[in-house]
Amino acid sequence: MYEREKINNVKNKINQLLFLLINPFFELVFTLALCQKKNSKIWLVDIDNTIADSANFSSNKKISNFKKLKELTVLKGSQKLITELTDTTVIYLTARNYIYYFSTKTWLKNNNFLNSPFNLILVLHPKQKLFYLKKIAYLYDVTYIDDLSFNHETGIIEFYSDLIEDIKKLPIVYYDYDYIKSLNH
């Protein structure tokens, strides 16, 4: 058990370092997206289990995650909602490893979500999304759609409850897991 703890500590330190090194790039992308905004309406949209059916992500170890991400199924109700937004800046804010940036961007483009080179922000952990939400919550008319759930593969869905509570304190419209589920059933 001690060795596993050490490995997890090293992984956490590496992730913190990656965030410090790579996050400035995403801050720049975020700033550029805001500069291109159509008006004061901004939607921040998660990807996994919000517009993509990641809950059924294959656990087959023989298939690379790059291939799995490429083949994710679109959640049609969510797609209809997002693609019908007009006069709204849409920015995709999702928690994925940085190595999946280009695969994610390609998936968004192939599924008619991507309409700007500056509308994809990756973070390593959902808690890091709060940084971006706080940055614009008091400046713009913000709507945020994100299931903020995990553990789908076990059948026992859990939620980032503390994060959800922090988000609900912001002056934004927040659409959650139940809303997303109702859109897609």
C-alpha atoms as a PDB file:
ATOM      1  CA  MET A   1       0.000   0.000   0.000  1.00  0.00           C
ATOM      2  CA  TYR A   2       2.856   2.363   0.813  1.00  0.00           C
ATOM      3  CA  GLU A   3       4.297   2.001  -2.717  1.00  0.00           C
ATOM      4  CA  ARG A   4       0.912   2.785  -4.272  1.00  0.00           C
ATOM      5  CA  GLU A   5       0.673   5.940  -2.137  1.00  0.00           C
ATOM      6  CA  LYS A   6       4.111   7.028  -3.292  1.00  0.00           C
ATOM      7  CA  ILE A   7       3.179   6.449  -6.924  1.00  0.00           C
ATOM      8  CA  ASN A   8      -0.061   8.420  -6.487  1.00  0.00           C
ATOM      9  CA  ASN A   9       1.844  11.266  -4.817  1.00  0.00           C
ATOM     10  CA  VAL A  10       4.289  11.388  -7.723  1.00  0.00           C
ATOM     11  CA  LYS A  11       1.398  11.362 -10.223  1.00  0.00           C
ATOM     12  CA  ASN A  12      -0.287  14.210  -8.346  1.00  0.00           C
ATOM     13  CA  LYS A  13       2.922  16.263  -8.341  1.00  0.00           C
ATOM     14  CA  ILE A  14       3.375  15.667 -12.084  1.00  0.00           C
ATOM     15  CA  ASN A  15      -0.228  16.713 -12.747  1.00  0.00           C
ATOM     16  CA  GLN A  16       0.247  19.877 -10.673  1.00  0.00           C
ATOM     17  CA  LEU A  17       3.393  20.698 -12.628  1.00  0.00           C
ATOM     18  CA  LEU A  18       1.653  20.026 -15.953  1.00  0.00           C
ATOM     19  CA  PHE A  19      -1.195  22.301 -14.938  1.00  0.00           C
ATOM     20  CA  LEU A  20       1.244  25.089 -14.033  1.00  0.00           C
ATOM     21  CA  LEU A  21       3.100  24.701 -17.318  1.00  0.00           C
ATOM     22  CA  ILE A  22       0.200  24.167 -19.728  1.00  0.00           C
ATOM     23  CA  ASN A  23      -2.640  26.129 -18.133  1.00  0.00           C
ATOM     24  CA  PRO A  24      -1.232  29.497 -19.336  1.00  0.00           C
ATOM     25  CA  PHE A  25      -1.818  28.259 -22.903  1.00  0.00           C
ATOM     26  CA  PHE A  26      -5.466  27.539 -22.084  1.00  0.00           C
ATOM     27  CA  GLU A  27      -5.811  30.889 -20.311  1.00  0.00           C
ATOM     28  CA  LEU A  28      -4.657  32.525 -23.558  1.00  0.00           C
ATOM     29  CA  VAL A  29      -7.101  30.433 -25.604  1.00  0.00           C
ATOM     30  CA  PHE A  30      -9.865  31.397 -23.165  1.00  0.00           C
ATOM     31  CA  THR A  31      -8.976  35.090 -23.485  1.00  0.00           C
ATOM     32  CA  LEU A  32      -8.976  34.821 -27.291  1.00  0.00           C
ATOM     33  CA  ALA A  33     -12.378  33.117 -27.203  1.00  0.00           C
ATOM     34  CA  LEU A  34     -13.727  35.959 -25.076  1.00  0.00           C
ATOM     35  CA  CYS A  35     -12.314  38.506 -27.536  1.00  0.00           C
ATOM     36  CA  GLN A  36     -14.298  36.823 -30.306  1.00  0.00           C
ATOM     37  CA  LYS A  37     -17.525  36.706 -28.330  1.00  0.00           C
ATOM     38  CA  LYS A  38     -20.652  37.600 -30.234  1.00  0.00           C
ATOM     39  CA  ASN A  39     -22.326  39.363 -27.307  1.00  0.00           C
ATOM     40  CA  SER A  40     -22.504  38.996 -23.539  1.00  0.00           C
ATOM     41  CA  LYS A  41     -23.975  35.464 -23.699  1.00  0.00           C
ATOM     42  CA  ILE A  42     -21.415  32.752 -23.031  1.00  0.00           C
ATOM     43  CA  TRP A  43     -22.060  29.047 -22.650  1.00  0.00           C
ATOM     44  CA  LEU A  44     -19.395  26.871 -21.058  1.00  0.00           C
ATOM     45  CA  VAL A  45     -20.039  23.274 -22.053  1.00  0.00           C
ATOM     46  CA  ASP A  46     -18.502  20.097 -20.696  1.00  0.00           C
ATOM     47  CA  ILE A  47     -17.954  17.211 -23.114  1.00  0.00           C
ATOM     48  CA  ASP A  48     -17.959  13.863 -21.299  1.00  0.00           C
ATOM     49  CA  ASN A  49     -21.476  12.759 -20.368  1.00  0.00           C
ATOM     50  CA  THR A  50     -22.748  16.193 -21.370  1.00  0.00           C
ATOM     51  CA  ILE A  51     -22.488  16.171 -25.178  1.00  0.00           C
ATOM     52  CA  ALA A  52     -20.646  12.840 -25.569  1.00  0.00           C
ATOM     53  CA  ASP A  53     -21.740   9.469 -24.229  1.00  0.00           C
ATOM     54  CA  SER A  54     -18.588   8.769 -22.237  1.00  0.00           C
ATOM     55  CA  ALA A  55     -20.448   6.650 -19.691  1.00  0.00           C
ATOM     56  CA  ASN A  56     -20.219   3.779 -22.164  1.00  0.00           C
ATOM     57  CA  PHE A  57     -16.514   4.350 -22.800  1.00  0.00           C
ATOM     58  CA  SER A  58     -15.022   0.975 -23.589  1.00  0.00           C
ATOM     59  CA  SER A  59     -12.866  -0.631 -20.923  1.00  0.00           C
ATOM     60  CA  ASN A  60     -11.161  -2.752 -23.580  1.00  0.00           C
ATOM     61  CA  LYS A  61      -7.432  -2.265 -22.882  1.00  0.00           C
ATOM     62  CA  LYS A  62      -6.531  -3.344 -26.428  1.00  0.00           C
ATOM     63  CA  ILE A  63      -8.117  -0.217 -27.899  1.00  0.00           C
ATOM     64  CA  SER A  64      -6.207   3.026 -27.391  1.00  0.00           C
ATOM     65  CA  ASN A  65      -7.895   5.922 -25.617  1.00  0.00           C
ATOM     66  CA  PHE A  66      -7.263   8.029 -28.728  1.00  0.00           C
ATOM     67  CA  LYS A  67      -9.392   5.610 -30.768  1.00  0.00           C
ATOM     68  CA  LYS A  68     -12.061   5.404 -28.048  1.00  0.00           C
ATOM     69  CA  LEU A  69     -12.320   9.194 -27.885  1.00  0.00           C
ATOM     70  CA  LYS A  70     -12.629   9.403 -31.653  1.00  0.00           C
ATOM     71  CA  GLU A  71     -15.571   6.988 -31.589  1.00  0.00           C
ATOM     72  CA  LEU A  72     -17.583   8.530 -28.739  1.00  0.00           C
ATOM     73  CA  THR A  73     -21.286   8.761 -29.505  1.00  0.00           C
ATOM     74  CA  VAL A  74     -22.921  12.172 -29.514  1.00  0.00           C
ATOM     75  CA  LEU A  75     -25.771  12.770 -27.081  1.00  0.00           C
ATOM     76  CA  LYS A  76     -28.353  13.968 -29.597  1.00  0.00           C
ATOM     77  CA  GLY A  77     -30.490  16.093 -27.267  1.00  0.00           C
ATOM     78  CA  SER A  78     -27.427  17.956 -26.040  1.00  0.00           C
ATOM     79  CA  GLN A  79     -26.133  18.354 -29.590  1.00  0.00           C
ATOM     80  CA  LYS A  80     -29.441  19.851 -30.710  1.00  0.00           C
ATOM     81  CA  LEU A  81     -29.416  22.322 -27.811  1.00  0.00           C
ATOM     82  CA  ILE A  82     -25.821  23.458 -28.332  1.00  0.00           C
ATOM     83  CA  THR A  83     -25.825  23.648 -32.123  1.00  0.00           C
ATOM     84  CA  GLU A  84     -29.021  25.718 -32.114  1.00  0.00           C
ATOM     85  CA  LEU A  85     -27.525  28.430 -29.917  1.00  0.00           C
ATOM     86  CA  THR A  86     -27.262  31.657 -31.883  1.00  0.00           C
ATOM     87  CA  ASP A  87     -25.580  34.904 -30.904  1.00  0.00           C
ATOM     88  CA  THR A  88     -23.854  32.962 -28.155  1.00  0.00           C
ATOM     89  CA  THR A  89     -20.190  32.203 -27.619  1.00  0.00           C
ATOM     90  CA  VAL A  90     -19.755  28.507 -26.829  1.00  0.00           C
ATOM     91  CA  ILE A  91     -16.583  27.369 -25.082  1.00  0.00           C
ATOM     92  CA  TYR A  92     -15.971  23.701 -24.324  1.00  0.00           C
ATOM     93  CA  LEU A  93     -14.462  23.285 -20.855  1.00  0.00           C
ATOM     94  CA  THR A  94     -13.661  19.693 -20.044  1.00  0.00           C
ATOM     95  CA  ALA A  95     -11.428  17.629 -17.765  1.00  0.00           C
ATOM     96  CA  ARG A  96      -9.158  15.481 -19.901  1.00  0.00           C
ATOM     97  CA  ASN A  97      -5.481  14.745 -20.058  1.00  0.00           C
ATOM     98  CA  TYR A  98      -3.691  17.345 -22.174  1.00  0.00           C
ATOM     99  CA  ILE A  99      -2.455  14.685 -24.599  1.00  0.00           C
ATOM    100  CA  TYR A 100      -6.047  14.367 -25.851  1.00  0.00           C
ATOM    101  CA  TYR A 101      -6.321  18.015 -26.900  1.00  0.00           C
ATOM    102  CA  PHE A 102      -6.123  17.418 -30.671  1.00  0.00           C
ATOM    103  CA  SER A 103      -8.258  14.247 -30.533  1.00  0.00           C
ATOM    104  CA  THR A 104     -10.887  16.182 -28.609  1.00  0.00           C
ATOM    105  CA  LYS A 105     -10.751  19.108 -31.020  1.00  0.00           C
ATOM    106  CA  THR A 106     -11.158  16.710 -33.967  1.00  0.00           C
ATOM    107  CA  TRP A 107     -14.135  14.989 -32.313  1.00  0.00           C
ATOM    108  CA  LEU A 108     -15.817  18.361 -31.719  1.00  0.00           C
ATOM    109  CA  LYS A 109     -15.223  19.410 -35.328  1.00  0.00           C
ATOM    110  CA  ASN A 110     -16.401  16.083 -36.768  1.00  0.00           C
ATOM    111  CA  ASN A 111     -19.611  16.329 -34.754  1.00  0.00           C
ATOM    112  CA  ASN A 112     -20.356  19.939 -35.763  1.00  0.00           C
ATOM    113  CA  PHE A 113     -19.605  21.501 -32.381  1.00  0.00           C
ATOM    114  CA  LEU A 114     -16.389  23.339 -33.123  1.00  0.00           C
ATOM    115  CA  ASN A 115     -16.849  26.749 -34.698  1.00  0.00           C
ATOM    116  CA  SER A 116     -13.718  28.532 -33.543  1.00  0.00           C
ATOM    117  CA  PRO A 117     -10.061  27.623 -33.059  1.00  0.00           C
ATOM    118  CA  PHE A 118     -10.310  29.151 -29.578  1.00  0.00           C
ATOM    119  CA  ASN A 119     -13.183  27.346 -27.936  1.00  0.00           C
ATOM    120  CA  LEU A 120     -11.636  24.276 -26.283  1.00  0.00           C
ATOM    121  CA  ILE A 121     -10.166  24.424 -22.788  1.00  0.00           C
ATOM    122  CA  LEU A 122      -8.805  21.314 -21.076  1.00  0.00           C
ATOM    123  CA  VAL A 123      -8.174  20.973 -17.360  1.00  0.00           C
ATOM    124  CA  LEU A 124      -6.780  17.959 -15.569  1.00  0.00           C
ATOM    125  CA  HIS A 125      -9.438  17.840 -12.850  1.00  0.00           C
ATOM    126  CA  PRO A 126     -13.014  19.118 -12.718  1.00  0.00           C
ATOM    127  CA  LYS A 127     -12.166  21.362  -9.736  1.00  0.00           C
ATOM    128  CA  GLN A 128      -9.946  23.415 -12.052  1.00  0.00           C
ATOM    129  CA  LYS A 129     -13.021  24.422 -14.073  1.00  0.00           C
ATOM    130  CA  LEU A 130     -13.988  26.742 -11.231  1.00  0.00           C
ATOM    131  CA  PHE A 131     -11.042  29.001 -12.129  1.00  0.00           C
ATOM    132  CA  TYR A 132     -12.584  29.723 -15.552  1.00  0.00           C
ATOM    133  CA  LEU A 133     -16.116  30.046 -14.217  1.00  0.00           C
ATOM    134  CA  LYS A 134     -15.070  32.582 -11.591  1.00  0.00           C
ATOM    135  CA  LYS A 135     -13.097  34.534 -14.169  1.00  0.00           C
ATOM    136  CA  ILE A 136     -16.231  35.395 -16.182  1.00  0.00           C
ATOM    137  CA  ALA A 137     -19.202  34.821 -13.866  1.00  0.00           C
ATOM    138  CA  TYR A 138     -19.500  38.480 -12.853  1.00  0.00           C
ATOM    139  CA  LEU A 139     -18.680  39.926 -16.272  1.00  0.00           C
ATOM    140  CA  TYR A 140     -20.962  38.085 -18.679  1.00  0.00           C
ATOM    141  CA  ASP A 141     -24.289  36.311 -18.986  1.00  0.00           C
ATOM    142  CA  VAL A 142     -22.912  32.801 -18.336  1.00  0.00           C
ATOM    143  CA  THR A 143     -24.637  29.452 -18.734  1.00  0.00           C
ATOM    144  CA  TYR A 144     -22.732  26.344 -17.694  1.00  0.00           C
ATOM    145  CA  ILE A 145     -23.802  22.809 -18.619  1.00  0.00           C
ATOM    146  CA  ASP A 146     -21.908  19.937 -16.997  1.00  0.00           C
ATOM    147  CA  ASP A 147     -22.969  16.668 -15.385  1.00  0.00           C
ATOM    148  CA  LEU A 148     -20.062  16.852 -12.885  1.00  0.00           C
ATOM    149  CA  SER A 149     -20.350  13.137 -12.299  1.00  0.00           C
ATOM    150  CA  PHE A 150     -17.942  10.230 -12.383  1.00  0.00           C
ATOM    151  CA  ASN A 151     -17.756   6.491 -11.850  1.00  0.00           C
ATOM    152  CA  HIS A 152     -20.288   5.644 -14.574  1.00  0.00           C
ATOM    153  CA  GLU A 153     -18.389   2.495 -15.525  1.00  0.00           C
ATOM    154  CA  THR A 154     -19.254   0.880 -12.171  1.00  0.00           C
ATOM    155  CA  GLY A 155     -22.944   1.681 -12.420  1.00  0.00           C
ATOM    156  CA  ILE A 156     -22.756   3.717  -9.200  1.00  0.00           C
ATOM    157  CA  ILE A 157     -22.658   7.339 -10.361  1.00  0.00           C
ATOM    158  CA  GLU A 158     -21.024   9.790  -8.002  1.00  0.00           C
ATOM    159  CA  PHE A 159     -20.930  13.585  -8.131  1.00  0.00           C
ATOM    160  CA  TYR A 160     -18.414  16.325  -7.391  1.00  0.00           C
ATOM    161  CA  SER A 161     -20.803  17.638  -4.742  1.00  0.00           C
ATOM    162  CA  ASP A 162     -18.487  20.259  -3.221  1.00  0.00           C
ATOM    163  CA  LEU A 163     -17.718  21.653  -6.658  1.00  0.00           C
ATOM    164  CA  ILE A 164     -21.416  21.714  -7.573  1.00  0.00           C
ATOM    165  CA  GLU A 165     -22.156  23.686  -4.410  1.00  0.00           C
ATOM    166  CA  ASP A 166     -19.393  26.197  -5.249  1.00  0.00           C
ATOM    167  CA  ILE A 167     -20.776  26.603  -8.778  1.00  0.00           C
ATOM    168  CA  LYS A 168     -24.315  27.165  -7.486  1.00  0.00           C
ATOM    169  CA  LYS A 169     -23.009  30.134  -5.487  1.00  0.00           C
ATOM    170  CA  LEU A 170     -21.922  31.910  -8.680  1.00  0.00           C
ATOM    171  CA  PRO A 171     -24.258  34.275 -10.579  1.00  0.00           C
ATOM    172  CA  ILE A 172     -24.607  31.907 -13.538  1.00  0.00           C
ATOM    173  CA  VAL A 173     -27.206  29.536 -14.942  1.00  0.00           C
ATOM    174  CA  TYR A 174     -26.089  25.975 -14.203  1.00  0.00           C
ATOM    175  CA  TYR A 175     -27.577  22.945 -15.982  1.00  0.00           C
ATOM    176  CA  ASP A 176     -26.694  19.729 -14.180  1.00  0.00           C
ATOM    177  CA  TYR A 177     -26.792  15.946 -14.580  1.00  0.00           C
ATOM    178  CA  ASP A 178     -30.583  15.726 -14.273  1.00  0.00           C
ATOM    179  CA  TYR A 179     -31.097  18.394 -16.929  1.00  0.00           C
ATOM    180  CA  ILE A 180     -28.656  16.679 -19.305  1.00  0.00           C
ATOM    181  CA  LYS A 181     -30.322  13.326 -18.672  1.00  0.00           C
ATOM    182  CA  SER A 182     -33.752  14.811 -19.446  1.00  0.00           C
ATOM    183  CA  LEU A 183     -32.409  16.308 -22.710  1.00  0.00           C
ATOM    184  CA  ASN A 184     -31.150  12.951 -23.930  1.00  0.00           C
ATOM    185  CA  HIS A 185     -33.978  10.548 -23.036  1.00  0.00           C
END
